[in-house]
């Protein structure tokens, strides 16, 4: 079973920045792609960004140029640097390994206008 612990969320004004962290255990972190997903109230969970085992990132169009995903294999941790935040970025953010079923508790990000 994969354990995932997200942190770093909070309340920020539009235009601000936050960095999310996700510590993983119970998995060989370095050989797996991992992503950040988010779910806003009343909406389906969506993929925000994913990073391959080799470090190649891909982003949803809505966050390109504003968000940066990175990973530290030595720390079994994936990060999401979020800049130029918008109210529509408000959601619970989760990290997730696409080939596994496990999810963490998520971290709330709220962007005020």
C-alpha atoms as a PDB file:
ATOM      1  CA  UNK A   1       0.000   0.000   0.000  1.00  0.00           C
ATOM      2  CA  UNK A   2       1.260   3.429  -0.953  1.00  0.00           C
ATOM      3  CA  UNK A   3       1.119   6.149   1.684  1.00  0.00           C
ATOM      4  CA  UNK A   4       0.961   9.752   0.527  1.00  0.00           C
ATOM      5  CA  UNK A   5       1.109  12.839   2.708  1.00  0.00           C
ATOM      6  CA  UNK A   6       0.448  16.184   1.056  1.00  0.00           C
ATOM      7  CA  UNK A   7       1.268  19.510   2.683  1.00  0.00           C
ATOM      8  CA  UNK A   8       1.800  23.162   1.908  1.00  0.00           C
ATOM      9  CA  UNK A   9      -1.702  24.293   1.075  1.00  0.00           C
ATOM     10  CA  UNK A  10      -3.279  27.410   2.470  1.00  0.00           C
ATOM     11  CA  UNK A  11      -5.059  30.668   1.773  1.00  0.00           C
ATOM     12  CA  UNK A  12      -3.377  33.068  -0.634  1.00  0.00           C
ATOM     13  CA  UNK A  13      -4.402  36.149  -2.583  1.00  0.00           C
ATOM     14  CA  UNK A  14      -4.692  36.065  -6.340  1.00  0.00           C
ATOM     15  CA  UNK A  15      -1.265  36.493  -7.896  1.00  0.00           C
ATOM     16  CA  UNK A  16       0.436  34.816  -4.978  1.00  0.00           C
ATOM     17  CA  UNK A  17       2.463  31.634  -4.753  1.00  0.00           C
ATOM     18  CA  UNK A  18       2.440  28.367  -2.857  1.00  0.00           C
ATOM     19  CA  UNK A  19       4.597  25.267  -2.916  1.00  0.00           C
ATOM     20  CA  UNK A  20       2.986  21.906  -2.240  1.00  0.00           C
ATOM     21  CA  UNK A  21       4.914  18.848  -1.088  1.00  0.00           C
ATOM     22  CA  UNK A  22       3.981  15.184  -1.135  1.00  0.00           C
ATOM     23  CA  UNK A  23       5.975  12.576   0.741  1.00  0.00           C
ATOM     24  CA  UNK A  24       5.490   9.010  -0.427  1.00  0.00           C
ATOM     25  CA  UNK A  25       6.272   5.665   1.164  1.00  0.00           C
ATOM     26  CA  UNK A  26       5.499   2.052   0.388  1.00  0.00           C
ATOM     27  CA  UNK A  27       6.630   2.409  -3.213  1.00  0.00           C
ATOM     28  CA  UNK A  28       9.863   2.461  -5.195  1.00  0.00           C
ATOM     29  CA  UNK A  29       9.542   6.178  -5.770  1.00  0.00           C
ATOM     30  CA  UNK A  30      12.315   6.711  -8.277  1.00  0.00           C
ATOM     31  CA  UNK A  31      10.969   4.375 -10.964  1.00  0.00           C
ATOM     32  CA  UNK A  32       7.403   5.668 -10.997  1.00  0.00           C
ATOM     33  CA  UNK A  33       5.736   8.617 -12.632  1.00  0.00           C
ATOM     34  CA  UNK A  34       3.797  10.741 -10.163  1.00  0.00           C
ATOM     35  CA  UNK A  35       1.294  13.523 -10.584  1.00  0.00           C
ATOM     36  CA  UNK A  36      -0.625  16.277  -8.889  1.00  0.00           C
ATOM     37  CA  UNK A  37      -4.392  16.330  -9.239  1.00  0.00           C
ATOM     38  CA  UNK A  38      -7.026  18.686  -7.917  1.00  0.00           C
ATOM     39  CA  UNK A  39     -10.723  18.651  -7.188  1.00  0.00           C
ATOM     40  CA  UNK A  40     -12.776  21.786  -6.843  1.00  0.00           C
ATOM     41  CA  UNK A  41     -16.201  21.765  -5.154  1.00  0.00           C
ATOM     42  CA  UNK A  42     -18.805  20.247  -7.444  1.00  0.00           C
ATOM     43  CA  UNK A  43     -16.243  19.296 -10.076  1.00  0.00           C
ATOM     44  CA  UNK A  44     -14.455  16.128 -11.090  1.00  0.00           C
ATOM     45  CA  UNK A  45     -10.895  15.492 -10.045  1.00  0.00           C
ATOM     46  CA  UNK A  46      -8.492  16.609 -12.771  1.00  0.00           C
ATOM     47  CA  UNK A  47      -4.846  16.131 -13.582  1.00  0.00           C
ATOM     48  CA  UNK A  48      -2.741  19.232 -12.988  1.00  0.00           C
ATOM     49  CA  UNK A  49       0.767  18.002 -13.723  1.00  0.00           C
ATOM     50  CA  UNK A  50       2.705  14.771 -13.976  1.00  0.00           C
ATOM     51  CA  UNK A  51       6.408  14.035 -13.914  1.00  0.00           C
ATOM     52  CA  UNK A  52       7.982  10.915 -15.337  1.00  0.00           C
ATOM     53  CA  UNK A  53      10.530   8.757 -13.570  1.00  0.00           C
ATOM     54  CA  UNK A  54      13.131  10.495 -15.709  1.00  0.00           C
ATOM     55  CA  UNK A  55      11.996  13.949 -14.652  1.00  0.00           C
ATOM     56  CA  UNK A  56      10.017  15.000 -17.742  1.00  0.00           C
ATOM     57  CA  UNK A  57       7.001  17.122 -16.827  1.00  0.00           C
ATOM     58  CA  UNK A  58       3.635  17.582 -18.484  1.00  0.00           C
ATOM     59  CA  UNK A  59       1.020  20.132 -17.510  1.00  0.00           C
ATOM     60  CA  UNK A  60      -2.645  20.816 -17.966  1.00  0.00           C
ATOM     61  CA  UNK A  61      -3.174  23.754 -20.299  1.00  0.00           C
ATOM     62  CA  UNK A  62      -4.776  25.719 -17.483  1.00  0.00           C
ATOM     63  CA  UNK A  63      -1.552  25.794 -15.436  1.00  0.00           C
ATOM     64  CA  UNK A  64       1.169  25.872 -18.096  1.00  0.00           C
ATOM     65  CA  UNK A  65       3.629  28.635 -17.457  1.00  0.00           C
ATOM     66  CA  UNK A  66       2.434  29.104 -13.869  1.00  0.00           C
ATOM     67  CA  UNK A  67       3.020  25.753 -12.133  1.00  0.00           C
ATOM     68  CA  UNK A  68       6.192  23.670 -11.933  1.00  0.00           C
ATOM     69  CA  UNK A  69       6.316  20.030 -10.859  1.00  0.00           C
ATOM     70  CA  UNK A  70       9.560  18.562  -9.579  1.00  0.00           C
ATOM     71  CA  UNK A  71      10.735  15.520  -7.683  1.00  0.00           C
ATOM     72  CA  UNK A  72      13.472  14.603  -5.216  1.00  0.00           C
ATOM     73  CA  UNK A  73      14.030  10.871  -5.437  1.00  0.00           C
ATOM     74  CA  UNK A  74      16.380  10.911  -2.438  1.00  0.00           C
ATOM     75  CA  UNK A  75      13.541  12.235  -0.297  1.00  0.00           C
ATOM     76  CA  UNK A  76      10.692  10.321  -1.975  1.00  0.00           C
ATOM     77  CA  UNK A  77       8.990  13.669  -2.411  1.00  0.00           C
ATOM     78  CA  UNK A  78       7.237  15.444  -5.254  1.00  0.00           C
ATOM     79  CA  UNK A  79       6.634  19.194  -5.292  1.00  0.00           C
ATOM     80  CA  UNK A  80       4.292  21.569  -7.046  1.00  0.00           C
ATOM     81  CA  UNK A  81       5.411  25.191  -7.239  1.00  0.00           C
ATOM     82  CA  UNK A  82       2.386  27.337  -7.992  1.00  0.00           C
ATOM     83  CA  UNK A  83       2.826  30.936  -9.103  1.00  0.00           C
ATOM     84  CA  UNK A  84       0.407  33.591 -10.330  1.00  0.00           C
ATOM     85  CA  UNK A  85      -2.429  31.815  -8.569  1.00  0.00           C
ATOM     86  CA  UNK A  86      -5.990  32.502  -9.663  1.00  0.00           C
ATOM     87  CA  UNK A  87      -9.281  32.030  -7.820  1.00  0.00           C
ATOM     88  CA  UNK A  88     -10.078  29.180 -10.215  1.00  0.00           C
ATOM     89  CA  UNK A  89      -7.075  27.284  -8.821  1.00  0.00           C
ATOM     90  CA  UNK A  90      -8.995  26.846  -5.566  1.00  0.00           C
ATOM     91  CA  UNK A  91      -9.301  23.116  -4.898  1.00  0.00           C
ATOM     92  CA  UNK A  92      -8.066  20.214  -2.830  1.00  0.00           C
ATOM     93  CA  UNK A  93      -4.749  19.095  -4.303  1.00  0.00           C
ATOM     94  CA  UNK A  94      -3.651  15.466  -4.250  1.00  0.00           C
ATOM     95  CA  UNK A  95      -0.560  13.626  -5.359  1.00  0.00           C
ATOM     96  CA  UNK A  96      -1.014  10.224  -6.953  1.00  0.00           C
ATOM     97  CA  UNK A  97       0.922   7.527  -8.728  1.00  0.00           C
ATOM     98  CA  UNK A  98      -1.039   6.802 -11.930  1.00  0.00           C
ATOM     99  CA  UNK A  99      -0.463   3.042 -11.838  1.00  0.00           C
ATOM    100  CA  UNK A 100      -1.635   2.667  -8.240  1.00  0.00           C
ATOM    101  CA  UNK A 101      -5.010   3.070  -6.523  1.00  0.00           C
ATOM    102  CA  UNK A 102      -3.915   4.952  -3.413  1.00  0.00           C
ATOM    103  CA  UNK A 103      -4.651   8.607  -2.660  1.00  0.00           C
ATOM    104  CA  UNK A 104      -3.612  10.847   0.194  1.00  0.00           C
ATOM    105  CA  UNK A 105      -5.826  13.143   2.192  1.00  0.00           C
ATOM    106  CA  UNK A 106      -5.043  16.118  -0.001  1.00  0.00           C
ATOM    107  CA  UNK A 107      -4.198  19.688   0.889  1.00  0.00           C
ATOM    108  CA  UNK A 108      -6.587  22.610   0.495  1.00  0.00           C
ATOM    109  CA  UNK A 109      -5.564  25.548  -1.656  1.00  0.00           C
ATOM    110  CA  UNK A 110      -7.792  28.609  -1.533  1.00  0.00           C
ATOM    111  CA  UNK A 111      -7.109  31.636  -3.707  1.00  0.00           C
ATOM    112  CA  UNK A 112      -8.986  34.802  -2.849  1.00  0.00           C
ATOM    113  CA  UNK A 113      -9.741  37.483  -5.404  1.00  0.00           C
END
